[in-house]
Amino acid sequence: MKQSYNPFLPSWEYIPDGEPYVFGERLYLYGSHDRFGGDQFCMNDYVCWSAPVEDLSQWHYEGVIYRKDQDPCNPEGTLRLYAPDVQKGLDGRYYLYYAFDDTGIISVAVCDTPAGAYSYHGTVQYPDGSVIGENKGDIHQFDPGVFIDDDERIYLYSGFGIGDGAESYFGGRKANGMYCMELARDMFTVISGPTLLLKGNMFEGKKNHGFFEASSMRKIDGVYYFIYSSSLSHELCYMTSDRPDGGFIFGGTIVSNGDVGYLGRKHEHRLNHTGNTHGSLVQVKGKWYVFYHRQTNRHHFSRQACAEAITINPDGTIPQVEITSCGLNGTPLPGEDTYPAYIACNLFTHDHSGYDEENYENDKRPYLTQDGGDREGGENQYITGWKNGGVVGFKYFHLDGISKASIAIKGTGKGHIELRVNIDKPPIASIPINATNDYCTFTEGFPPLKGTAPLYFQYNGTGAICFKEFSLSK
């Protein structure tokens, strides 16, 4: 088996809003599809990736599974496919649920196999054929989450937690929280609901974990886990209940794409570019994982899938996990190897200056980008904008015997790159670097290391650097 990193898909792929499911002997990832360098969310058609459950490092591209222009309401393909969900229906076929932009309507596509290609099936509607979301007073459907219980009852969760008064933004439709509907066996006719289960108010909820978006349901040991993105946006939280249609109680935060809340970390000290996130839980070979996404290219529109192992305690609680570079690997990465810079899980300034989530152009942190436009193939994602005081962090490595580090960089920088295994302690090495037009490797030795630890590279100097890769050796 090869090593698995975060992001676990190729660096040129931008799949946010991931919903992971095991069908047969493969793990499938369904999500929306961002465009590198795009200026809007979800600009590409749906694609699917899958991996054998025996080896989560071997991801296979299944291709385009549904195009924007396949829906009768979007023949020109001008609307964007937002976050989807998938369920295996009672008839053995696979159903893909999606919403276009801010239309407020959810539609369904169907296929005989998990990885497509899907074809249009219908639109979520009442028994009289009226489509939910078409008229004023309807709920604004958004981020569908589909769940089929053991008793074969089918539930659709949908909604947007903007708050009361948001109707003016959505053509008179309500966007005040998460709603639940029960569907008929045709998978799109509503036979009960919609019923408001969780109120949401983004404007009043910035300091709590109230519902905002990204509905997803899982059932674990008889307990219903509702996973969602909170009003803080950068975190996935969960609620639990003993039934699928109400009674949910807040459980906690599972993951934040800036590690906010982990071990008490405050938002102003976050360790990465934060932004919206969306994902869910999956069990593979007895182990549980949370899937989420990270931000790249110093904006919100080129997001990438990541995952972390989680623990579900005997009492049903899920402790928050930190974001890492090793993700699905299941163990820290071996120390003696060469690693691409794009697997960095921490990008920040040591004094935490320059955070400006709404104005990325003025952000002082190093960030991830790639050369060229949106494409399939060609691994050349790297870190750029690395200036004085910037820190690039990777977690975790087996470092026994490691005594040398090499770093491949280019740019106008001149100074030193300090290497640490603890960000709050003195560096173990200082690597002198000079300006170079092409990637050049700089190397420094240090006393052999022991144990497992993160690695932090901090630049101190003038100019700015692009960071391609680094190597560790004995």
Protein backbone atom coordinates (compact mmCIF):
# COMPACT_ATOMS: atom_id res chain seq x y z
CA MET A 1 0.00 0.00 0.00
CA LYS A 2 1.18 3.50 -0.75
CA GLN A 3 0.83 6.34 1.73
CA SER A 4 -2.38 8.35 1.89
CA TYR A 5 -2.33 12.11 2.48
CA ASN A 6 -4.70 15.02 2.88
CA PRO A 7 -6.00 15.90 0.40
CA PHE A 8 -6.47 12.22 -0.45
CA LEU A 9 -7.45 12.87 -4.09
CA PRO A 10 -4.98 14.20 -6.67
CA SER A 11 -3.97 17.79 -6.02
CA TRP A 12 -5.65 18.98 -9.23
CA GLU A 13 -9.08 17.75 -8.06
CA TYR A 14 -11.47 20.05 -6.20
CA ILE A 15 -14.32 18.10 -4.57
CA PRO A 16 -16.01 19.83 -1.61
CA ASP A 17 -19.21 18.89 0.27
CA GLY A 18 -18.24 15.22 0.35
CA GLU A 19 -20.71 12.48 1.28
CA PRO A 20 -18.87 9.15 1.77
CA TYR A 21 -20.63 5.78 1.46
CA VAL A 22 -19.54 2.15 1.31
CA PHE A 23 -21.39 0.22 -1.38
CA GLY A 24 -20.17 -3.35 -1.74
CA GLU A 25 -16.41 -3.46 -1.34
CA ARG A 26 -15.71 0.14 -2.31
CA LEU A 27 -15.87 3.51 -0.59
CA TYR A 28 -17.50 6.14 -2.82
CA LEU A 29 -17.18 9.90 -2.47
CA TYR A 30 -19.96 12.10 -3.82
CA GLY A 31 -19.64 15.86 -3.67
CA SER A 32 -20.07 19.05 -5.59
CA HIS A 33 -17.29 19.98 -8.00
CA ASP A 34 -15.38 23.23 -7.75
CA ARG A 35 -13.28 24.73 -10.51
CA PHE A 36 -9.71 25.78 -9.83
CA GLY A 37 -9.57 29.55 -10.13
CA GLY A 38 -13.36 29.74 -10.31
CA ASP A 39 -15.25 32.79 -9.12
CA GLN A 40 -18.32 30.87 -7.89
CA PHE A 41 -19.06 27.68 -5.98
CA CYS A 42 -19.60 24.33 -7.73
CA MET A 43 -18.97 25.35 -11.33
CA ASN A 44 -18.25 21.86 -12.74
CA ASP A 45 -20.36 18.74 -13.34
CA TYR A 46 -20.63 15.98 -10.74
CA VAL A 47 -17.86 13.39 -10.74
CA CYS A 48 -17.27 10.40 -8.49
CA TRP A 49 -14.18 8.86 -6.92
CA SER A 50 -13.96 5.48 -5.20
CA ALA A 51 -11.42 3.35 -3.35
CA PRO A 52 -11.34 -0.30 -2.26
CA VAL A 53 -12.18 -0.64 1.43
CA GLU A 54 -8.98 -2.67 1.83
CA ASP A 55 -6.77 0.24 0.72
CA LEU A 56 -7.93 3.84 1.11
CA SER A 57 -4.85 5.15 -0.69
CA GLN A 58 -5.98 3.76 -4.06
CA TRP A 59 -8.57 6.29 -5.26
CA HIS A 60 -10.02 5.75 -8.73
CA TYR A 61 -11.64 8.42 -10.89
CA GLU A 62 -15.08 7.17 -11.97
CA GLY A 63 -15.63 10.09 -14.35
CA VAL A 64 -18.55 12.46 -14.80
CA ILE A 65 -21.66 10.89 -13.28
CA TYR A 66 -24.18 13.71 -13.91
CA ARG A 67 -24.06 16.85 -16.03
CA LYS A 68 -25.72 20.16 -15.25
CA ASP A 69 -27.62 20.17 -18.54
CA GLN A 70 -29.30 16.79 -17.91
CA ASP A 71 -31.98 18.36 -15.73
CA PRO A 72 -34.96 19.61 -17.83
CA CYS A 73 -34.94 22.93 -15.95
CA ASN A 74 -31.31 23.62 -16.93
CA PRO A 75 -30.89 22.69 -20.62
CA GLU A 76 -28.28 25.39 -21.20
CA GLY A 77 -26.25 24.29 -18.18
CA THR A 78 -26.14 27.79 -16.71
CA LEU A 79 -27.13 26.74 -13.18
CA ARG A 80 -24.59 25.16 -10.84
CA LEU A 81 -24.95 21.78 -9.13
CA TYR A 82 -24.68 22.36 -5.40
CA ALA A 83 -23.91 19.78 -2.69
CA PRO A 84 -25.51 16.37 -3.40
CA ASP A 85 -26.36 13.24 -1.45
CA VAL A 86 -26.83 9.63 -2.57
CA GLN A 87 -28.80 6.66 -1.24
CA LYS A 88 -29.33 3.10 -2.38
CA GLY A 89 -33.09 2.85 -2.82
CA LEU A 90 -35.38 0.05 -1.76
CA ASP A 91 -35.42 -1.14 -5.38
CA GLY A 92 -31.63 -1.58 -5.40
CA ARG A 93 -30.98 1.43 -7.60
CA TYR A 94 -28.95 4.49 -6.55
CA TYR A 95 -30.55 7.92 -6.16
CA LEU A 96 -28.66 11.21 -6.42
CA TYR A 97 -30.26 14.28 -4.79
CA TYR A 98 -29.18 17.79 -5.74
CA ALA A 99 -30.16 21.46 -5.84
CA PHE A 100 -29.23 24.09 -8.40
CA ASP A 101 -27.79 27.37 -7.08
CA ASP A 102 -30.42 29.16 -4.99
CA THR A 103 -33.48 27.82 -6.83
CA GLY A 104 -34.89 26.28 -3.64
CA ILE A 105 -35.84 23.10 -5.51
CA ILE A 106 -34.38 19.59 -5.06
CA SER A 107 -34.27 17.10 -7.91
CA VAL A 108 -33.32 13.45 -8.14
CA ALA A 109 -31.30 11.40 -10.62
CA VAL A 110 -31.07 7.59 -10.69
CA CYS A 111 -28.64 4.89 -11.79
CA ASP A 112 -28.32 1.10 -11.55
CA THR A 113 -24.76 1.36 -10.21
CA PRO A 114 -23.14 3.63 -7.58
CA ALA A 115 -20.77 5.43 -9.95
CA GLY A 116 -23.16 6.41 -12.72
CA ALA A 117 -23.89 7.60 -15.17
CA TYR A 118 -27.09 8.96 -13.59
CA SER A 119 -30.20 10.11 -15.45
CA TYR A 120 -32.88 12.56 -14.40
CA HIS A 121 -35.62 10.94 -12.29
CA GLY A 122 -37.87 13.67 -10.88
CA THR A 123 -38.26 16.68 -8.61
CA VAL A 124 -39.23 16.64 -4.93
CA GLN A 125 -42.94 17.44 -4.90
CA TYR A 126 -46.27 16.96 -3.14
CA PRO A 127 -48.64 14.17 -4.23
CA ASP A 128 -50.60 16.67 -6.35
CA GLY A 129 -47.47 17.32 -8.41
CA SER A 130 -46.71 20.81 -7.06
CA VAL A 131 -42.96 21.26 -6.67
CA ILE A 132 -41.66 22.24 -3.24
CA GLY A 133 -39.71 25.47 -3.45
CA GLU A 134 -41.50 26.96 -6.43
CA ASN A 135 -43.77 29.34 -4.56
CA LYS A 136 -43.62 32.01 -1.87
CA GLY A 137 -44.05 30.53 1.58
CA ASP A 138 -42.36 27.26 0.59
CA ILE A 139 -39.18 26.17 2.31
CA HIS A 140 -35.94 27.03 0.56
CA GLN A 141 -34.53 23.58 -0.08
CA PHE A 142 -30.76 23.38 0.12
CA ASP A 143 -28.05 20.76 0.77
CA PRO A 144 -30.24 17.64 0.66
CA GLY A 145 -29.49 14.84 3.09
CA VAL A 146 -31.23 11.52 2.38
CA PHE A 147 -31.64 8.66 4.83
CA ILE A 148 -33.45 5.30 4.65
CA ASP A 149 -34.14 3.79 8.06
CA ASP A 150 -34.22 0.12 8.98
CA ASP A 151 -38.03 0.13 8.73
CA GLU A 152 -37.67 1.28 5.07
CA ARG A 153 -39.05 4.76 5.76
CA ILE A 154 -37.30 7.37 3.60
CA TYR A 155 -36.38 10.79 4.99
CA LEU A 156 -35.16 13.91 3.23
CA TYR A 157 -33.47 16.65 5.28
CA SER A 158 -33.08 20.04 3.71
CA GLY A 159 -32.77 23.71 4.58
CA PHE A 160 -30.67 26.78 5.10
CA GLY A 161 -30.18 28.48 8.48
CA ILE A 162 -30.09 32.11 7.41
CA GLY A 163 -32.89 33.03 9.81
CA ASP A 164 -36.34 34.57 9.88
CA GLY A 165 -36.59 37.47 7.48
CA ALA A 166 -34.35 35.86 4.86
CA GLU A 167 -37.34 35.38 2.54
CA SER A 168 -36.39 38.51 0.65
CA TYR A 169 -33.19 36.79 -0.47
CA PHE A 170 -34.94 33.69 -1.76
CA GLY A 171 -38.09 34.78 -3.58
CA GLY A 172 -40.29 34.59 -0.50
CA ARG A 173 -39.15 31.09 0.50
CA LYS A 174 -38.29 30.31 4.12
CA ALA A 175 -34.62 29.83 5.02
CA ASN A 176 -34.99 29.61 8.78
CA GLY A 177 -33.55 26.17 9.48
CA MET A 178 -33.53 22.46 8.70
CA TYR A 179 -36.70 20.70 7.61
CA CYS A 180 -37.56 17.02 7.46
CA MET A 181 -39.81 15.31 4.91
CA GLU A 182 -40.79 11.68 4.48
CA LEU A 183 -40.70 10.41 0.90
CA ALA A 184 -42.66 7.73 -0.91
CA ARG A 185 -40.94 4.73 -2.46
CA ASP A 186 -40.64 6.64 -5.74
CA MET A 187 -37.96 8.67 -3.88
CA PHE A 188 -39.33 12.12 -4.71
CA THR A 189 -42.99 12.39 -3.60
CA VAL A 190 -43.41 13.92 -0.12
CA ILE A 191 -45.93 12.01 1.99
CA SER A 192 -45.26 13.88 5.26
CA GLY A 193 -43.85 17.31 6.06
CA PRO A 194 -41.91 19.46 5.58
CA THR A 195 -41.51 19.89 9.32
CA LEU A 196 -39.05 22.33 10.90
CA LEU A 197 -36.67 20.31 13.09
CA LEU A 198 -33.86 22.79 13.77
CA LYS A 199 -34.11 26.54 13.68
CA GLY A 200 -31.13 28.42 12.31
CA ASN A 201 -30.12 32.06 12.35
CA MET A 202 -26.72 32.84 10.85
CA PHE A 203 -26.83 36.49 11.95
CA GLU A 204 -27.53 35.75 15.60
CA GLY A 205 -25.58 32.53 15.82
CA LYS A 206 -21.96 33.46 15.11
CA LYS A 207 -20.95 32.60 18.66
CA ASN A 208 -22.72 29.25 18.92
CA HIS A 209 -23.08 26.02 16.99
CA GLY A 210 -26.57 26.52 15.58
CA PHE A 211 -27.65 24.92 12.31
CA PHE A 212 -26.54 26.69 9.14
CA GLU A 213 -26.32 24.17 6.25
CA ALA A 214 -24.95 20.77 5.07
CA SER A 215 -27.59 18.34 6.40
CA SER A 216 -26.42 14.73 6.67
CA MET A 217 -27.85 11.78 8.62
CA ARG A 218 -26.21 8.61 9.89
CA LYS A 219 -27.46 5.84 12.23
CA ILE A 220 -24.86 4.37 14.56
CA ASP A 221 -25.69 1.64 17.10
CA GLY A 222 -29.36 2.64 17.06
CA VAL A 223 -28.66 6.35 17.57
CA TYR A 224 -29.44 8.94 14.90
CA TYR A 225 -26.54 11.34 14.25
CA PHE A 226 -27.37 14.53 12.41
CA ILE A 227 -24.16 16.05 11.00
CA TYR A 228 -24.21 19.68 9.83
CA SER A 229 -22.22 22.83 9.29
CA SER A 230 -22.84 25.32 12.08
CA SER A 231 -23.35 29.06 11.99
CA LEU A 232 -19.59 29.33 12.55
CA SER A 233 -19.25 27.77 9.06
CA HIS A 234 -15.73 26.32 9.46
CA GLU A 235 -16.86 23.36 11.58
CA LEU A 236 -18.88 20.17 11.29
CA CYS A 237 -21.02 19.48 14.34
CA TYR A 238 -23.37 16.70 15.32
CA MET A 239 -26.65 16.23 17.16
CA THR A 240 -28.17 12.97 18.35
CA SER A 241 -31.66 11.60 18.85
CA ASP A 242 -33.45 8.30 19.40
CA ARG A 243 -35.62 8.97 16.34
CA PRO A 244 -34.93 10.34 12.84
CA ASP A 245 -37.61 13.04 12.78
CA GLY A 246 -37.00 15.11 15.90
CA GLY A 247 -35.67 15.35 19.45
CA PHE A 248 -32.09 16.19 18.45
CA ILE A 249 -29.67 17.32 21.17
CA PHE A 250 -26.35 19.04 20.42
CA GLY A 251 -23.37 16.72 20.80
CA GLY A 252 -20.33 18.77 19.85
CA THR A 253 -17.89 19.73 17.12
CA ILE A 254 -16.30 16.91 15.11
CA VAL A 255 -13.79 18.89 13.04
CA SER A 256 -12.92 22.50 12.16
CA ASN A 257 -10.88 23.28 9.05
CA GLY A 258 -8.88 25.74 11.16
CA ASP A 259 -8.70 23.57 14.32
CA VAL A 260 -10.84 26.18 16.09
CA GLY A 261 -12.12 24.67 19.33
CA TYR A 262 -9.62 21.83 19.32
CA LEU A 263 -7.95 21.81 22.75
CA GLY A 264 -9.63 25.19 23.36
CA ARG A 265 -8.11 27.00 20.37
CA LYS A 266 -9.71 30.41 19.68
CA HIS A 267 -10.75 31.62 16.25
CA GLU A 268 -8.15 34.39 16.23
CA HIS A 269 -5.45 31.71 16.67
CA ARG A 270 -6.65 29.32 13.99
CA LEU A 271 -3.99 27.28 12.23
CA ASN A 272 -5.30 27.33 8.69
CA HIS A 273 -7.37 29.27 6.19
CA THR A 274 -10.93 28.83 7.42
CA GLY A 275 -14.10 28.85 5.36
CA ASN A 276 -17.26 26.85 4.92
CA THR A 277 -17.13 23.09 5.28
CA HIS A 278 -19.48 20.21 4.55
CA GLY A 279 -19.15 16.46 4.97
CA SER A 280 -20.17 13.43 6.97
CA LEU A 281 -19.18 10.16 8.65
CA VAL A 282 -18.45 6.71 7.26
CA GLN A 283 -17.32 3.40 8.73
CA VAL A 284 -14.72 1.41 6.79
CA LYS A 285 -13.44 -1.95 8.05
CA GLY A 286 -14.56 -1.14 11.58
CA LYS A 287 -12.98 2.34 11.67
CA TRP A 288 -14.87 5.63 11.58
CA TYR A 289 -13.84 8.70 9.57
CA VAL A 290 -15.11 12.24 9.11
CA PHE A 291 -14.90 13.78 5.64
CA TYR A 292 -14.69 17.57 5.27
CA HIS A 293 -13.07 20.09 2.91
CA ARG A 294 -10.30 22.69 2.98
CA GLN A 295 -9.90 26.05 1.25
CA THR A 296 -7.22 26.77 -1.37
CA ASN A 297 -6.07 29.54 -3.72
CA ARG A 298 -6.92 32.26 -1.18
CA HIS A 299 -10.69 32.17 -1.85
CA HIS A 300 -13.78 30.03 -1.19
CA PHE A 301 -14.27 28.56 -4.67
CA SER A 302 -11.52 25.92 -5.03
CA ARG A 303 -12.10 23.52 -2.13
CA GLN A 304 -10.63 20.05 -1.65
CA ALA A 305 -11.74 16.86 0.10
CA CYS A 306 -9.97 15.78 3.28
CA ALA A 307 -10.68 13.15 5.94
CA GLU A 308 -9.67 12.25 9.49
CA ALA A 309 -10.07 9.19 11.67
CA ILE A 310 -12.47 9.75 14.56
CA THR A 311 -13.42 7.94 17.75
CA ILE A 312 -16.99 7.25 18.79
CA ASN A 313 -16.91 6.72 22.54
CA PRO A 314 -18.98 4.05 24.33
CA ASP A 315 -21.38 6.81 25.45
CA GLY A 316 -21.89 7.88 21.82
CA THR A 317 -19.91 11.12 22.00
CA ILE A 318 -17.42 12.09 19.30
CA PRO A 319 -14.36 14.07 20.50
CA GLN A 320 -13.19 16.81 18.16
CA VAL A 321 -10.23 15.78 16.00
CA GLU A 322 -7.47 17.97 14.62
CA ILE A 323 -6.78 18.33 10.93
CA THR A 324 -3.69 16.46 9.76
CA SER A 325 -1.60 15.67 6.72
CA CYS A 326 -1.96 11.90 7.13
CA GLY A 327 -5.77 11.69 7.21
CA LEU A 328 -6.86 8.27 5.88
CA ASN A 329 -3.35 6.84 6.24
CA GLY A 330 -4.25 5.38 9.61
CA THR A 331 -0.78 6.01 11.03
CA PRO A 332 1.80 8.83 11.03
CA LEU A 333 3.81 9.14 7.83
CA PRO A 334 7.29 7.56 7.67
CA GLY A 335 10.03 10.09 8.31
CA GLU A 336 12.40 9.03 5.56
CA ASP A 337 10.72 10.14 2.34
CA THR A 338 9.97 13.08 0.03
CA TYR A 339 6.64 14.86 0.50
CA PRO A 340 4.75 17.42 -1.60
CA ALA A 341 4.19 20.74 0.14
CA TYR A 342 0.47 20.65 -0.70
CA ILE A 343 -0.18 18.12 2.10
CA ALA A 344 0.35 20.92 4.63
CA CYS A 345 -2.45 21.05 7.19
CA ASN A 346 -1.33 24.28 8.88
CA LEU A 347 -0.79 27.62 7.12
CA PHE A 348 -0.50 30.61 9.43
CA THR A 349 1.70 33.43 10.65
CA HIS A 350 3.52 32.81 13.90
CA ASP A 351 2.05 35.96 15.44
CA HIS A 352 -1.35 35.19 13.82
CA SER A 353 -1.37 38.49 11.97
CA GLY A 354 -3.07 39.18 8.70
CA TYR A 355 -6.23 37.08 9.10
CA ASP A 356 -8.88 38.52 6.83
CA GLU A 357 -11.42 35.88 5.87
CA GLU A 358 -13.53 38.24 3.78
CA ASN A 359 -10.60 39.87 1.97
CA TYR A 360 -8.15 37.13 1.08
CA GLU A 361 -6.11 39.46 -1.14
CA ASN A 362 -4.83 41.18 2.00
CA ASP A 363 -4.19 37.95 3.90
CA LYS A 364 -0.55 37.53 4.93
CA ARG A 365 -0.61 33.74 5.28
CA PRO A 366 1.04 31.38 2.80
CA TYR A 367 -1.56 29.60 0.65
CA LEU A 368 -2.09 26.70 -1.76
CA THR A 369 -2.34 27.19 -5.50
CA GLN A 370 -1.34 25.57 -8.81
CA ASP A 371 -0.01 26.64 -12.20
CA GLY A 372 -2.41 26.74 -15.13
CA GLY A 373 -6.16 26.41 -15.18
CA ASP A 374 -8.70 23.80 -14.13
CA ARG A 375 -7.84 20.39 -15.55
CA GLU A 376 -7.54 16.63 -15.07
CA GLY A 377 -4.01 15.44 -14.39
CA GLY A 378 -0.69 17.09 -13.59
CA GLU A 379 0.42 17.25 -9.97
CA ASN A 380 1.85 20.72 -9.48
CA GLN A 381 -0.02 22.22 -6.54
CA TYR A 382 2.32 24.12 -4.25
CA ILE A 383 2.45 26.76 -1.53
CA THR A 384 3.06 30.39 -2.40
CA GLY A 385 2.90 33.77 -0.68
CA TRP A 386 5.29 32.51 1.99
CA LYS A 387 6.68 35.61 3.63
CA ASN A 388 8.49 36.63 6.79
CA GLY A 389 6.95 34.95 9.85
CA GLY A 390 4.83 32.53 7.82
CA VAL A 391 4.52 28.96 9.10
CA VAL A 392 3.79 25.82 7.09
CA GLY A 393 2.93 22.79 9.24
CA PHE A 394 2.62 19.04 8.61
CA LYS A 395 1.25 16.37 10.99
CA TYR A 396 2.45 13.68 11.85
CA PHE A 397 5.68 11.75 11.15
CA HIS A 398 7.64 8.82 12.58
CA LEU A 399 10.93 10.65 13.03
CA ASP A 400 13.24 8.09 14.67
CA GLY A 401 16.75 8.60 13.33
CA ILE A 402 15.88 11.51 11.03
CA SER A 403 18.84 13.92 10.95
CA LYS A 404 18.57 15.88 7.70
CA ALA A 405 15.93 17.99 5.97
CA SER A 406 15.89 19.35 2.42
CA ILE A 407 13.40 21.88 1.09
CA ALA A 408 12.68 22.71 -2.58
CA ILE A 409 11.75 26.36 -3.05
CA LYS A 410 11.95 29.25 -5.49
CA GLY A 411 11.24 32.97 -5.32
CA THR A 412 12.68 36.24 -4.13
CA GLY A 413 13.25 35.10 -0.56
CA LYS A 414 16.54 35.50 1.24
CA GLY A 415 16.92 34.43 4.85
CA HIS A 416 16.40 31.26 6.91
CA ILE A 417 13.75 28.56 7.20
CA GLU A 418 13.53 27.30 10.77
CA LEU A 419 12.44 23.71 11.34
CA ARG A 420 10.56 22.82 14.52
CA VAL A 421 8.88 19.75 15.96
CA ASN A 422 7.06 21.95 18.48
CA ILE A 423 5.91 25.39 17.35
CA ASP A 424 6.40 26.83 20.85
CA LYS A 425 9.97 25.60 21.29
CA PRO A 426 13.31 26.56 19.68
CA PRO A 427 14.03 25.26 16.17
CA ILE A 428 15.99 22.06 15.65
CA ALA A 429 17.58 23.48 12.49
CA SER A 430 17.87 26.69 10.49
CA ILE A 431 18.18 26.29 6.72
CA PRO A 432 19.77 29.26 4.88
CA ILE A 433 18.06 30.06 1.57
CA ASN A 434 18.68 32.49 -1.28
CA ALA A 435 16.60 33.90 -4.13
CA THR A 436 16.24 31.56 -7.10
CA ASN A 437 14.18 31.71 -10.29
CA ASP A 438 13.78 27.93 -10.53
CA TYR A 439 13.17 25.41 -7.79
CA CYS A 440 16.36 24.81 -5.85
CA THR A 441 16.97 22.46 -2.91
CA PHE A 442 18.48 23.69 0.37
CA THR A 443 19.59 21.19 3.02
CA GLU A 444 20.56 21.24 6.70
CA GLY A 445 21.44 18.56 9.24
CA PHE A 446 20.59 18.27 12.94
CA PRO A 447 20.90 15.76 15.80
CA PRO A 448 18.87 12.58 15.17
CA LEU A 449 15.24 12.84 16.20
CA LYS A 450 13.13 10.39 18.19
CA GLY A 451 9.45 9.53 18.32
CA THR A 452 6.43 10.91 16.49
CA ALA A 453 5.93 14.63 15.96
CA PRO A 454 4.68 17.33 13.59
CA LEU A 455 7.02 19.42 11.46
CA TYR A 456 6.75 23.19 11.22
CA PHE A 457 8.72 25.28 8.71
CA GLN A 458 8.89 29.00 9.52
CA TYR A 459 10.41 31.51 7.10
CA ASN A 460 12.32 34.48 8.43
CA GLY A 461 13.65 36.87 5.82
CA THR A 462 12.84 39.19 2.95
CA GLY A 463 10.85 38.62 -0.23
CA ALA A 464 8.43 35.75 -0.84
CA ILE A 465 8.81 32.01 -1.48
CA CYS A 466 7.09 29.23 -3.40
CA PHE A 467 7.36 25.86 -1.64
CA LYS A 468 7.20 22.65 -3.75
CA GLU A 469 8.35 19.73 -1.58
CA PHE A 470 10.63 18.59 1.23
CA SER A 471 12.64 15.49 2.05
CA LEU A 472 13.64 13.86 5.31
CA SER A 473 16.55 11.46 5.66
CA LYS A 474 18.84 9.79 8.19
